């Protein structure tokens, strides 16, 4: 029943092929974008390595490495 609710909600916002992987990926990506520590996201996803979780990190146009120069 929950999956039917998710599919209907996705269709309403224009997403016609939601999947459990899509939901998992979205949750991880949004958590990392909002500053969640990567090791915690990695644990919650059950990844054996943080390197696997790093696939969910996305560079944004507003990101700039010069912001971190002293």
C-alpha atoms as a PDB file:
ATOM      1  CA  UNK A   1       0.000   0.000   0.000  1.00  0.00           C
ATOM      2  CA  UNK A   2       2.830   2.426   0.812  1.00  0.00           C
ATOM      3  CA  UNK A   3       4.405   1.836  -2.599  1.00  0.00           C
ATOM      4  CA  UNK A   4       1.111   2.791  -4.288  1.00  0.00           C
ATOM      5  CA  UNK A   5       1.073   6.065  -2.330  1.00  0.00           C
ATOM      6  CA  UNK A   6       4.669   6.772  -3.362  1.00  0.00           C
ATOM      7  CA  UNK A   7       3.907   6.050  -7.034  1.00  0.00           C
ATOM      8  CA  UNK A   8       0.851   8.333  -7.018  1.00  0.00           C
ATOM      9  CA  UNK A   9       2.767  11.141  -5.304  1.00  0.00           C
ATOM     10  CA  UNK A  10       5.643  10.802  -7.778  1.00  0.00           C
ATOM     11  CA  UNK A  11       3.258  10.922 -10.721  1.00  0.00           C
ATOM     12  CA  UNK A  12       1.653  14.111  -9.365  1.00  0.00           C
ATOM     13  CA  UNK A  13       5.014  15.878  -9.417  1.00  0.00           C
ATOM     14  CA  UNK A  14       5.942  14.540 -12.842  1.00  0.00           C
ATOM     15  CA  UNK A  15       8.110  11.541 -11.955  1.00  0.00           C
ATOM     16  CA  UNK A  16       6.752   8.600 -13.860  1.00  0.00           C
ATOM     17  CA  UNK A  17       9.209   5.847 -12.955  1.00  0.00           C
ATOM     18  CA  UNK A  18      10.068   6.012  -9.247  1.00  0.00           C
ATOM     19  CA  UNK A  19      11.996   3.126  -7.758  1.00  0.00           C
ATOM     20  CA  UNK A  20      13.230   2.088  -4.351  1.00  0.00           C
ATOM     21  CA  UNK A  21      16.778   2.809  -5.544  1.00  0.00           C
ATOM     22  CA  UNK A  22      15.672   6.310  -6.593  1.00  0.00           C
ATOM     23  CA  UNK A  23      14.271   6.939  -3.108  1.00  0.00           C
ATOM     24  CA  UNK A  24      17.429   5.576  -1.468  1.00  0.00           C
ATOM     25  CA  UNK A  25      19.663   7.668  -3.724  1.00  0.00           C
ATOM     26  CA  UNK A  26      17.561  10.784  -3.127  1.00  0.00           C
ATOM     27  CA  UNK A  27      17.672  10.341   0.629  1.00  0.00           C
ATOM     28  CA  UNK A  28      21.448   9.888   0.636  1.00  0.00           C
ATOM     29  CA  UNK A  29      22.075  12.782  -1.751  1.00  0.00           C
ATOM     30  CA  UNK A  30      19.849  15.203   0.161  1.00  0.00           C
ATOM     31  CA  UNK A  31      21.342  14.163   3.495  1.00  0.00           C
ATOM     32  CA  UNK A  32      24.866  14.810   2.230  1.00  0.00           C
ATOM     33  CA  UNK A  33      23.840  18.092   0.562  1.00  0.00           C
ATOM     34  CA  UNK A  34      22.482  19.259   3.904  1.00  0.00           C
ATOM     35  CA  UNK A  35      25.705  18.473   5.738  1.00  0.00           C
ATOM     36  CA  UNK A  36      25.188  14.984   7.149  1.00  0.00           C
ATOM     37  CA  UNK A  37      28.548  13.329   7.884  1.00  0.00           C
ATOM     38  CA  UNK A  38      29.363  10.885   5.112  1.00  0.00           C
ATOM     39  CA  UNK A  39      30.269   8.113   7.570  1.00  0.00           C
ATOM     40  CA  UNK A  40      26.758   8.270   9.099  1.00  0.00           C
ATOM     41  CA  UNK A  41      25.074   8.177   5.687  1.00  0.00           C
ATOM     42  CA  UNK A  42      27.344   5.273   4.745  1.00  0.00           C
ATOM     43  CA  UNK A  43      26.324   3.353   7.860  1.00  0.00           C
ATOM     44  CA  UNK A  44      22.614   4.015   7.328  1.00  0.00           C
ATOM     45  CA  UNK A  45      22.886   2.708   3.756  1.00  0.00           C
ATOM     46  CA  UNK A  46      24.804  -0.363   4.923  1.00  0.00           C
ATOM     47  CA  UNK A  47      27.841   0.370   2.772  1.00  0.00           C
ATOM     48  CA  UNK A  48      31.045  -1.434   3.668  1.00  0.00           C
ATOM     49  CA  UNK A  49      33.096   1.549   2.485  1.00  0.00           C
ATOM     50  CA  UNK A  50      32.689   5.318   2.582  1.00  0.00           C
ATOM     51  CA  UNK A  51      34.093   5.268  -0.963  1.00  0.00           C
ATOM     52  CA  UNK A  52      30.855   3.643  -2.110  1.00  0.00           C
ATOM     53  CA  UNK A  53      28.819   6.384  -0.413  1.00  0.00           C
ATOM     54  CA  UNK A  54      30.940   9.080  -2.048  1.00  0.00           C
ATOM     55  CA  UNK A  55      29.078   8.321  -5.302  1.00  0.00           C
ATOM     56  CA  UNK A  56      26.172  10.238  -3.779  1.00  0.00           C
ATOM     57  CA  UNK A  57      28.227  13.434  -3.504  1.00  0.00           C
ATOM     58  CA  UNK A  58      27.385  15.861  -6.292  1.00  0.00           C
ATOM     59  CA  UNK A  59      29.203  19.034  -7.220  1.00  0.00           C
ATOM     60  CA  UNK A  60      26.869  21.997  -7.503  1.00  0.00           C
ATOM     61  CA  UNK A  61      27.433  25.064  -9.692  1.00  0.00           C
ATOM     62  CA  UNK A  62      27.753  27.168  -6.523  1.00  0.00           C
ATOM     63  CA  UNK A  63      30.560  24.947  -5.182  1.00  0.00           C
ATOM     64  CA  UNK A  64      34.006  26.397  -5.651  1.00  0.00           C
ATOM     65  CA  UNK A  65      37.277  25.119  -4.242  1.00  0.00           C
ATOM     66  CA  UNK A  66      38.571  28.699  -3.909  1.00  0.00           C
ATOM     67  CA  UNK A  67      36.197  29.146  -0.960  1.00  0.00           C
ATOM     68  CA  UNK A  68      38.532  26.911   1.057  1.00  0.00           C
ATOM     69  CA  UNK A  69      41.753  28.766   0.331  1.00  0.00           C
ATOM     70  CA  UNK A  70      43.200  30.595   3.320  1.00  0.00           C
END
